[in-house]
Amino acid sequence: MELDGRAVTAEELGSLALCNYGHFTSMLVTEGRVRGLSLHLDRLTADCRLLFGHDLDTGKVRELIRRIEKPRSAMVRVTVYAPDLELARPSAPKTPRVLVTTRPAAHHDLPPLRLATASYRREFAQVKHVGLFGALAYRAEAQRSGADDVLFVDPTSAVTEGATWNIGFFDDAGRLVWPAGEHLPGVTQRLLECAWLAAGRDLRRRVVRVANSPQLHAAFVANAAVGIRAIAAIDETEYAVDHPLLPALASLYAGTPAEPV
């Protein structure tokens, strides 16, 4: 764990915990390479301008990722925040700093997920910000009810996103379907979309309401940690975890070239 390339202090971390103002991206780094690295850096740049009015030095970010010790494959989180942010005056000009942390990469061949829906909209849904309380509270509620994770829907019951992932479906025509509800566009989601279209496959973006979409036969979650992971059920609706398009999509994603850090 390093802040701008040195050990972070408890006081500096305290600011992040107590003010809870900042943004981040998480990426799987394998042997010094990342799928969609440019997209991760673009996200950090855009969010930094929005939250801090500051241009981020992405070359420095790459250098900081290379510095930190990590195993052959690890999840690396890059968090941008201002340790000297004033709670009463968050608009005061501050130079954001870069915190790099790591955690073990997810295991492969994870079992399909059973999801419970909850009506919830993340604040500033287009920003990957550090305010995770609502998402984690609903995830905990879903798990206490016996599900593995939570899927958010809007007040009209239209699907939007998961707590830390995007969701996709396959319909009876073999098309990849993304829900049209408001959500954070994920890096893995964009890579999957590009690979799918490059393979000559069809794609749709439309309103999805789980209980009223019998033509959707398979579903999956997508993020940098797992790539894609099959969904077994959403509430009472079951999905085919052995649908042939799931491994086809996973194979396309595995073939996406990774960029050197």
C-alpha atoms as a PDB file:
ATOM      1  CA  MET A   1       0.000   0.000   0.000  1.00  0.00           C
ATOM      2  CA  GLU A   2       1.647   3.214  -1.166  1.00  0.00           C
ATOM      3  CA  LEU A   3       0.597   6.849  -1.503  1.00  0.00           C
ATOM      4  CA  ASP A   4       2.466   8.618  -4.294  1.00  0.00           C
ATOM      5  CA  GLY A   5       5.151   5.936  -4.128  1.00  0.00           C
ATOM      6  CA  ARG A   6       5.792   5.850  -0.373  1.00  0.00           C
ATOM      7  CA  ALA A   7       4.273   4.192   2.671  1.00  0.00           C
ATOM      8  CA  VAL A   8       0.932   5.782   3.538  1.00  0.00           C
ATOM      9  CA  THR A   9       0.349   7.043   7.076  1.00  0.00           C
ATOM     10  CA  ALA A  10      -2.658   6.349   9.279  1.00  0.00           C
ATOM     11  CA  GLU A  11      -3.519  10.055   9.214  1.00  0.00           C
ATOM     12  CA  GLU A  12      -3.554  10.076   5.411  1.00  0.00           C
ATOM     13  CA  LEU A  13      -5.788   6.988   5.297  1.00  0.00           C
ATOM     14  CA  GLY A  14      -8.010   8.520   7.968  1.00  0.00           C
ATOM     15  CA  SER A  15      -8.923  11.353   5.640  1.00  0.00           C
ATOM     16  CA  LEU A  16     -10.126   8.867   3.018  1.00  0.00           C
ATOM     17  CA  ALA A  17     -12.161   6.941   5.592  1.00  0.00           C
ATOM     18  CA  LEU A  18     -13.728   9.939   7.336  1.00  0.00           C
ATOM     19  CA  CYS A  19     -14.400  12.246   4.382  1.00  0.00           C
ATOM     20  CA  ASN A  20     -15.127   9.419   1.925  1.00  0.00           C
ATOM     21  CA  TYR A  21     -14.470  11.661  -1.094  1.00  0.00           C
ATOM     22  CA  GLY A  22     -12.480  10.270  -3.991  1.00  0.00           C
ATOM     23  CA  HIS A  23     -12.606   7.864  -6.893  1.00  0.00           C
ATOM     24  CA  PHE A  24     -10.856   4.691  -7.993  1.00  0.00           C
ATOM     25  CA  THR A  25     -10.476   1.927 -10.524  1.00  0.00           C
ATOM     26  CA  SER A  26      -9.571  -1.717  -9.978  1.00  0.00           C
ATOM     27  CA  MET A  27      -7.661  -3.820 -12.486  1.00  0.00           C
ATOM     28  CA  LEU A  28      -6.244  -7.308 -12.773  1.00  0.00           C
ATOM     29  CA  VAL A  29      -2.477  -7.065 -13.295  1.00  0.00           C
ATOM     30  CA  THR A  30      -0.938 -10.264 -14.624  1.00  0.00           C
ATOM     31  CA  GLU A  31       2.795 -10.346 -15.294  1.00  0.00           C
ATOM     32  CA  GLY A  32       2.839  -6.567 -15.635  1.00  0.00           C
ATOM     33  CA  ARG A  33      -0.034  -6.373 -18.143  1.00  0.00           C
ATOM     34  CA  VAL A  34      -3.669  -5.258 -17.888  1.00  0.00           C
ATOM     35  CA  ARG A  35      -6.629  -5.779 -20.204  1.00  0.00           C
ATOM     36  CA  GLY A  36      -8.151  -2.381 -20.908  1.00  0.00           C
ATOM     37  CA  LEU A  37      -5.417  -0.392 -19.159  1.00  0.00           C
ATOM     38  CA  SER A  38      -6.060   2.648 -21.358  1.00  0.00           C
ATOM     39  CA  LEU A  39      -9.741   2.547 -20.415  1.00  0.00           C
ATOM     40  CA  HIS A  40      -8.885   2.377 -16.711  1.00  0.00           C
ATOM     41  CA  LEU A  41      -6.615   5.398 -17.091  1.00  0.00           C
ATOM     42  CA  ASP A  42      -9.262   7.275 -19.085  1.00  0.00           C
ATOM     43  CA  ARG A  43     -11.754   6.623 -16.271  1.00  0.00           C
ATOM     44  CA  LEU A  44      -9.325   7.945 -13.649  1.00  0.00           C
ATOM     45  CA  THR A  45      -8.620  11.037 -15.744  1.00  0.00           C
ATOM     46  CA  ALA A  46     -12.288  11.885 -16.327  1.00  0.00           C
ATOM     47  CA  ASP A  47     -13.306  11.299 -12.705  1.00  0.00           C
ATOM     48  CA  CYS A  48     -10.379  13.341 -11.395  1.00  0.00           C
ATOM     49  CA  ARG A  49     -11.432  16.321 -13.494  1.00  0.00           C
ATOM     50  CA  LEU A  50     -15.019  15.988 -12.286  1.00  0.00           C
ATOM     51  CA  LEU A  51     -14.308  15.555  -8.578  1.00  0.00           C
ATOM     52  CA  PHE A  52     -11.190  17.708  -8.213  1.00  0.00           C
ATOM     53  CA  GLY A  53     -10.985  19.885 -11.343  1.00  0.00           C
ATOM     54  CA  HIS A  54      -7.482  18.506 -11.804  1.00  0.00           C
ATOM     55  CA  ASP A  55      -5.654  16.806 -14.674  1.00  0.00           C
ATOM     56  CA  LEU A  56      -4.204  13.472 -13.617  1.00  0.00           C
ATOM     57  CA  ASP A  57      -0.709  12.437 -14.715  1.00  0.00           C
ATOM     58  CA  THR A  58      -1.431   8.952 -16.079  1.00  0.00           C
ATOM     59  CA  GLY A  59       2.248   8.321 -16.733  1.00  0.00           C
ATOM     60  CA  LYS A  60       2.859   8.777 -13.015  1.00  0.00           C
ATOM     61  CA  VAL A  61      -0.048   6.441 -12.228  1.00  0.00           C
ATOM     62  CA  ARG A  62       1.528   3.711 -14.351  1.00  0.00           C
ATOM     63  CA  GLU A  63       4.849   4.242 -12.613  1.00  0.00           C
ATOM     64  CA  LEU A  64       3.191   3.901  -9.208  1.00  0.00           C
ATOM     65  CA  ILE A  65       1.467   0.662 -10.240  1.00  0.00           C
ATOM     66  CA  ARG A  66       4.802  -0.763 -11.404  1.00  0.00           C
ATOM     67  CA  ARG A  67       6.448   0.179  -8.094  1.00  0.00           C
ATOM     68  CA  ILE A  68       4.236  -1.689  -5.689  1.00  0.00           C
ATOM     69  CA  GLU A  69       5.094  -5.274  -4.802  1.00  0.00           C
ATOM     70  CA  LYS A  70       2.602  -7.830  -6.044  1.00  0.00           C
ATOM     71  CA  PRO A  71       2.492 -11.508  -7.005  1.00  0.00           C
ATOM     72  CA  ARG A  72       2.371 -12.738 -10.607  1.00  0.00           C
ATOM     73  CA  SER A  73      -1.353 -11.963 -10.726  1.00  0.00           C
ATOM     74  CA  ALA A  74      -3.119  -9.521  -8.412  1.00  0.00           C
ATOM     75  CA  MET A  75      -5.975  -7.068  -8.241  1.00  0.00           C
ATOM     76  CA  VAL A  76      -4.599  -3.544  -8.074  1.00  0.00           C
ATOM     77  CA  ARG A  77      -6.785  -0.659  -6.944  1.00  0.00           C
ATOM     78  CA  VAL A  78      -5.798   2.912  -7.780  1.00  0.00           C
ATOM     79  CA  THR A  79      -7.599   5.426  -5.566  1.00  0.00           C
ATOM     80  CA  VAL A  80      -7.380   9.172  -6.162  1.00  0.00           C
ATOM     81  CA  TYR A  81      -8.181  11.441  -3.224  1.00  0.00           C
ATOM     82  CA  ALA A  82      -6.916  14.493  -1.315  1.00  0.00           C
ATOM     83  CA  PRO A  83      -5.655  13.660   2.202  1.00  0.00           C
ATOM     84  CA  ASP A  84      -5.896  17.350   3.168  1.00  0.00           C
ATOM     85  CA  LEU A  85      -9.496  17.757   2.021  1.00  0.00           C
ATOM     86  CA  GLU A  86     -11.536  19.929   4.381  1.00  0.00           C
ATOM     87  CA  LEU A  87     -14.956  18.533   5.246  1.00  0.00           C
ATOM     88  CA  ALA A  88     -16.430  22.032   5.441  1.00  0.00           C
ATOM     89  CA  ARG A  89     -14.808  23.251   2.202  1.00  0.00           C
ATOM     90  CA  PRO A  90     -14.427  20.388  -0.295  1.00  0.00           C
ATOM     91  CA  SER A  91     -14.410  23.001  -3.067  1.00  0.00           C
ATOM     92  CA  ALA A  92     -11.097  24.442  -1.863  1.00  0.00           C
ATOM     93  CA  PRO A  93      -8.337  23.725  -4.430  1.00  0.00           C
ATOM     94  CA  LYS A  94      -6.478  20.553  -3.497  1.00  0.00           C
ATOM     95  CA  THR A  95      -3.973  18.442  -5.365  1.00  0.00           C
ATOM     96  CA  PRO A  96      -5.282  14.867  -5.449  1.00  0.00           C
ATOM     97  CA  ARG A  97      -2.865  12.073  -4.680  1.00  0.00           C
ATOM     98  CA  VAL A  98      -2.671   8.451  -5.795  1.00  0.00           C
ATOM     99  CA  LEU A  99      -3.044   5.499  -3.430  1.00  0.00           C
ATOM    100  CA  VAL A 100      -2.142   2.067  -4.861  1.00  0.00           C
ATOM    101  CA  THR A 101      -3.246  -1.046  -3.019  1.00  0.00           C
ATOM    102  CA  THR A 102      -3.350  -4.744  -3.912  1.00  0.00           C
ATOM    103  CA  ARG A 103      -5.369  -7.816  -3.014  1.00  0.00           C
ATOM    104  CA  PRO A 104      -5.243 -11.422  -4.233  1.00  0.00           C
ATOM    105  CA  ALA A 105      -6.766 -12.170  -7.618  1.00  0.00           C
ATOM    106  CA  ALA A 106     -10.083 -14.041  -7.657  1.00  0.00           C
ATOM    107  CA  HIS A 107     -10.088 -17.793  -8.112  1.00  0.00           C
ATOM    108  CA  HIS A 108     -11.034 -19.149 -11.521  1.00  0.00           C
ATOM    109  CA  ASP A 109     -14.082 -21.357 -12.175  1.00  0.00           C
ATOM    110  CA  LEU A 110     -16.262 -19.612  -9.624  1.00  0.00           C
ATOM    111  CA  PRO A 111     -19.748 -21.123  -9.227  1.00  0.00           C
ATOM    112  CA  PRO A 112     -22.773 -19.387 -10.764  1.00  0.00           C
ATOM    113  CA  LEU A 113     -24.367 -16.630  -8.723  1.00  0.00           C
ATOM    114  CA  ARG A 114     -27.855 -16.372  -7.274  1.00  0.00           C
ATOM    115  CA  LEU A 115     -28.907 -12.729  -7.088  1.00  0.00           C
ATOM    116  CA  ALA A 116     -31.567 -10.837  -5.172  1.00  0.00           C
ATOM    117  CA  THR A 117     -32.876  -7.565  -6.575  1.00  0.00           C
ATOM    118  CA  ALA A 118     -33.063  -4.290  -4.654  1.00  0.00           C
ATOM    119  CA  SER A 119     -34.353  -0.898  -5.723  1.00  0.00           C
ATOM    120  CA  TYR A 120     -31.334   1.383  -5.422  1.00  0.00           C
ATOM    121  CA  ARG A 121     -29.441   4.004  -7.417  1.00  0.00           C
ATOM    122  CA  ARG A 122     -25.830   4.844  -6.616  1.00  0.00           C
ATOM    123  CA  GLU A 123     -25.078   8.537  -6.140  1.00  0.00           C
ATOM    124  CA  PHE A 124     -23.211   9.939  -9.177  1.00  0.00           C
ATOM    125  CA  ALA A 125     -23.795   6.647 -10.960  1.00  0.00           C
ATOM    126  CA  GLN A 126     -21.415   7.522 -13.815  1.00  0.00           C
ATOM    127  CA  VAL A 127     -18.460   7.923 -11.409  1.00  0.00           C
ATOM    128  CA  LYS A 128     -16.545   5.044  -9.821  1.00  0.00           C
ATOM    129  CA  HIS A 129     -16.379   6.829  -6.483  1.00  0.00           C
ATOM    130  CA  VAL A 130     -15.370   5.533  -3.062  1.00  0.00           C
ATOM    131  CA  GLY A 131     -18.858   5.905  -1.574  1.00  0.00           C
ATOM    132  CA  LEU A 132     -19.687   2.198  -1.309  1.00  0.00           C
ATOM    133  CA  PHE A 133     -21.925   2.221   1.763  1.00  0.00           C
ATOM    134  CA  GLY A 134     -25.254   1.807  -0.035  1.00  0.00           C
ATOM    135  CA  ALA A 135     -23.984  -0.849  -2.427  1.00  0.00           C
ATOM    136  CA  LEU A 136     -22.386  -2.893   0.355  1.00  0.00           C
ATOM    137  CA  ALA A 137     -25.398  -2.510   2.656  1.00  0.00           C
ATOM    138  CA  TYR A 138     -27.680  -3.964  -0.023  1.00  0.00           C
ATOM    139  CA  ARG A 139     -25.132  -6.690  -0.802  1.00  0.00           C
ATOM    140  CA  ALA A 140     -25.105  -7.652   2.869  1.00  0.00           C
ATOM    141  CA  GLU A 141     -28.919  -7.669   2.962  1.00  0.00           C
ATOM    142  CA  ALA A 142     -29.044  -9.924  -0.116  1.00  0.00           C
ATOM    143  CA  GLN A 143     -26.540 -12.338   1.397  1.00  0.00           C
ATOM    144  CA  ARG A 144     -28.451 -12.475   4.681  1.00  0.00           C
ATOM    145  CA  SER A 145     -31.522 -13.475   2.670  1.00  0.00           C
ATOM    146  CA  GLY A 146     -29.636 -16.429   1.152  1.00  0.00           C
ATOM    147  CA  ALA A 147     -28.489 -14.901  -2.160  1.00  0.00           C
ATOM    148  CA  ASP A 148     -24.858 -14.498  -3.235  1.00  0.00           C
ATOM    149  CA  ASP A 149     -25.079 -10.858  -4.297  1.00  0.00           C
ATOM    150  CA  VAL A 150     -27.433  -8.008  -5.128  1.00  0.00           C
ATOM    151  CA  LEU A 151     -28.724  -6.697  -8.464  1.00  0.00           C
ATOM    152  CA  PHE A 152     -30.003  -3.132  -8.516  1.00  0.00           C
ATOM    153  CA  VAL A 153     -33.200  -2.105 -10.275  1.00  0.00           C
ATOM    154  CA  ASP A 154     -34.709   1.349 -10.682  1.00  0.00           C
ATOM    155  CA  PRO A 155     -38.174   2.403  -9.404  1.00  0.00           C
ATOM    156  CA  THR A 156     -39.761   0.918 -12.560  1.00  0.00           C
ATOM    157  CA  SER A 157     -38.066  -2.460 -11.838  1.00  0.00           C
ATOM    158  CA  ALA A 158     -35.680  -1.996 -14.778  1.00  0.00           C
ATOM    159  CA  VAL A 159     -32.268  -3.622 -14.260  1.00  0.00           C
ATOM    160  CA  THR A 160     -29.301  -1.251 -13.881  1.00  0.00           C
ATOM    161  CA  GLU A 161     -26.147  -2.831 -12.373  1.00  0.00           C
ATOM    162  CA  GLY A 162     -24.705  -4.853  -9.518  1.00  0.00           C
ATOM    163  CA  ALA A 163     -22.880  -3.648  -6.432  1.00  0.00           C
ATOM    164  CA  THR A 164     -19.448  -3.908  -8.104  1.00  0.00           C
ATOM    165  CA  TRP A 165     -20.172  -5.273 -11.575  1.00  0.00           C
ATOM    166  CA  ASN A 166     -22.188  -4.924 -14.758  1.00  0.00           C
ATOM    167  CA  ILE A 167     -24.736  -7.468 -15.913  1.00  0.00           C
ATOM    168  CA  GLY A 168     -25.398  -8.899 -19.365  1.00  0.00           C
ATOM    169  CA  PHE A 169     -27.877 -11.341 -20.889  1.00  0.00           C
ATOM    170  CA  PHE A 170     -28.265 -13.544 -23.961  1.00  0.00           C
ATOM    171  CA  ASP A 171     -31.636 -13.606 -25.689  1.00  0.00           C
ATOM    172  CA  ASP A 172     -33.320 -16.321 -27.752  1.00  0.00           C
ATOM    173  CA  ALA A 173     -31.759 -14.921 -30.943  1.00  0.00           C
ATOM    174  CA  GLY A 174     -28.233 -15.328 -29.540  1.00  0.00           C
ATOM    175  CA  ARG A 175     -27.747 -11.599 -29.052  1.00  0.00           C
ATOM    176  CA  LEU A 176     -25.793 -10.040 -26.205  1.00  0.00           C
ATOM    177  CA  VAL A 177     -28.152  -7.746 -24.292  1.00  0.00           C
ATOM    178  CA  TRP A 178     -27.014  -4.917 -22.009  1.00  0.00           C
ATOM    179  CA  PRO A 179     -29.629  -3.299 -19.756  1.00  0.00           C
ATOM    180  CA  ALA A 180     -30.364   0.306 -20.735  1.00  0.00           C
ATOM    181  CA  GLY A 181     -30.792   1.510 -17.148  1.00  0.00           C
ATOM    182  CA  GLU A 182     -28.458   4.090 -15.606  1.00  0.00           C
ATOM    183  CA  HIS A 183     -25.193   2.449 -14.548  1.00  0.00           C
ATOM    184  CA  LEU A 184     -21.433   2.833 -14.329  1.00  0.00           C
ATOM    185  CA  PRO A 185     -19.983   1.749 -17.708  1.00  0.00           C
ATOM    186  CA  GLY A 186     -17.443  -0.897 -16.770  1.00  0.00           C
ATOM    187  CA  VAL A 187     -14.083  -1.431 -18.436  1.00  0.00           C
ATOM    188  CA  THR A 188     -14.737  -5.171 -18.725  1.00  0.00           C
ATOM    189  CA  GLN A 189     -18.190  -4.440 -20.146  1.00  0.00           C
ATOM    190  CA  ARG A 190     -16.633  -2.267 -22.871  1.00  0.00           C
ATOM    191  CA  LEU A 191     -13.977  -4.872 -23.684  1.00  0.00           C
ATOM    192  CA  LEU A 192     -16.613  -7.606 -23.951  1.00  0.00           C
ATOM    193  CA  GLU A 193     -18.741  -5.430 -26.206  1.00  0.00           C
ATOM    194  CA  CYS A 194     -15.833  -4.664 -28.535  1.00  0.00           C
ATOM    195  CA  ALA A 195     -14.774  -8.319 -28.726  1.00  0.00           C
ATOM    196  CA  TRP A 196     -18.357  -9.477 -29.335  1.00  0.00           C
ATOM    197  CA  LEU A 197     -18.947  -6.996 -32.161  1.00  0.00           C
ATOM    198  CA  ALA A 198     -15.526  -7.702 -33.693  1.00  0.00           C
ATOM    199  CA  ALA A 199     -16.531 -11.376 -33.880  1.00  0.00           C
ATOM    200  CA  GLY A 200     -19.532 -10.373 -36.001  1.00  0.00           C
ATOM    201  CA  ARG A 201     -22.073 -10.984 -33.257  1.00  0.00           C
ATOM    202  CA  ASP A 202     -25.217  -8.955 -32.605  1.00  0.00           C
ATOM    203  CA  LEU A 203     -25.795  -6.770 -29.587  1.00  0.00           C
ATOM    204  CA  ARG A 204     -28.754  -4.923 -28.100  1.00  0.00           C
ATOM    205  CA  ARG A 205     -29.143  -2.330 -25.374  1.00  0.00           C
ATOM    206  CA  ARG A 206     -32.655  -2.205 -24.002  1.00  0.00           C
ATOM    207  CA  VAL A 207     -34.761  -1.967 -20.878  1.00  0.00           C
ATOM    208  CA  VAL A 208     -34.676  -5.286 -19.013  1.00  0.00           C
ATOM    209  CA  ARG A 209     -37.202  -6.284 -16.371  1.00  0.00           C
ATOM    210  CA  VAL A 210     -36.281  -9.727 -15.118  1.00  0.00           C
ATOM    211  CA  ALA A 211     -39.764 -10.974 -14.271  1.00  0.00           C
ATOM    212  CA  ASN A 212     -41.112  -9.945 -17.695  1.00  0.00           C
ATOM    213  CA  SER A 213     -38.250 -11.076 -19.961  1.00  0.00           C
ATOM    214  CA  PRO A 214     -38.807 -14.796 -20.729  1.00  0.00           C
ATOM    215  CA  GLN A 215     -36.793 -14.484 -23.951  1.00  0.00           C
ATOM    216  CA  LEU A 216     -33.583 -13.951 -21.938  1.00  0.00           C
ATOM    217  CA  HIS A 217     -32.093 -17.404 -21.431  1.00  0.00           C
ATOM    218  CA  ALA A 218     -28.663 -16.762 -19.873  1.00  0.00           C
ATOM    219  CA  ALA A 219     -27.104 -14.042 -17.742  1.00  0.00           C
ATOM    220  CA  PHE A 220     -23.692 -13.127 -16.394  1.00  0.00           C
ATOM    221  CA  VAL A 221     -21.852 -10.555 -14.317  1.00  0.00           C
ATOM    222  CA  ALA A 222     -18.763  -8.805 -15.645  1.00  0.00           C
ATOM    223  CA  ASN A 223     -15.903  -6.992 -13.952  1.00  0.00           C
ATOM    224  CA  ALA A 224     -12.111  -6.892 -13.943  1.00  0.00           C
ATOM    225  CA  ALA A 225     -11.790  -9.329 -11.042  1.00  0.00           C
ATOM    226  CA  VAL A 226     -13.698 -12.261 -12.562  1.00  0.00           C
ATOM    227  CA  GLY A 227     -14.033 -11.450 -16.252  1.00  0.00           C
ATOM    228  CA  ILE A 228     -17.466 -13.031 -16.656  1.00  0.00           C
ATOM    229  CA  ARG A 229     -19.343 -15.231 -14.179  1.00  0.00           C
ATOM    230  CA  ALA A 230     -22.588 -17.055 -14.897  1.00  0.00           C
ATOM    231  CA  ILE A 231     -25.818 -16.235 -13.084  1.00  0.00           C
ATOM    232  CA  ALA A 232     -27.996 -19.135 -11.940  1.00  0.00           C
ATOM    233  CA  ALA A 233     -30.969 -17.083 -10.773  1.00  0.00           C
ATOM    234  CA  ILE A 234     -32.286 -13.582 -10.194  1.00  0.00           C
ATOM    235  CA  ASP A 235     -34.939 -13.684  -7.503  1.00  0.00           C
ATOM    236  CA  GLU A 236     -37.213 -16.539  -8.678  1.00  0.00           C
ATOM    237  CA  THR A 237     -36.117 -16.465 -12.341  1.00  0.00           C
ATOM    238  CA  GLU A 238     -33.679 -19.246 -13.312  1.00  0.00           C
ATOM    239  CA  TYR A 239     -31.045 -18.994 -16.066  1.00  0.00           C
ATOM    240  CA  ALA A 240     -29.106 -21.580 -18.045  1.00  0.00           C
ATOM    241  CA  VAL A 241     -25.622 -21.739 -16.557  1.00  0.00           C
ATOM    242  CA  ASP A 242     -24.488 -24.119 -19.336  1.00  0.00           C
ATOM    243  CA  HIS A 243     -25.604 -21.851 -22.182  1.00  0.00           C
ATOM    244  CA  PRO A 244     -23.045 -22.214 -25.046  1.00  0.00           C
ATOM    245  CA  LEU A 245     -22.652 -18.455 -25.504  1.00  0.00           C
ATOM    246  CA  LEU A 246     -21.205 -18.046 -21.991  1.00  0.00           C
ATOM    247  CA  PRO A 247     -17.929 -19.899 -22.753  1.00  0.00           C
ATOM    248  CA  ALA A 248     -17.900 -18.285 -26.205  1.00  0.00           C
ATOM    249  CA  LEU A 249     -17.932 -14.825 -24.643  1.00  0.00           C
ATOM    250  CA  ALA A 250     -15.350 -15.853 -22.030  1.00  0.00           C
ATOM    251  CA  SER A 251     -13.080 -17.077 -24.813  1.00  0.00           C
ATOM    252  CA  LEU A 252     -13.394 -13.786 -26.687  1.00  0.00           C
ATOM    253  CA  TYR A 253     -12.521 -11.906 -23.514  1.00  0.00           C
ATOM    254  CA  ALA A 254      -9.513 -14.147 -22.847  1.00  0.00           C
ATOM    255  CA  GLY A 255      -8.264 -13.295 -26.334  1.00  0.00           C
ATOM    256  CA  THR A 256      -8.364  -9.551 -25.683  1.00  0.00           C
ATOM    257  CA  PRO A 257      -4.755  -8.279 -25.739  1.00  0.00           C
ATOM    258  CA  ALA A 258      -3.426  -6.914 -22.460  1.00  0.00           C
ATOM    259  CA  GLU A 259      -1.444  -3.676 -22.326  1.00  0.00           C
ATOM    260  CA  PRO A 260       1.875  -3.354 -20.490  1.00  0.00           C
ATOM    261  CA  VAL A 261       1.797  -1.176 -17.412  1.00  0.00           C
END
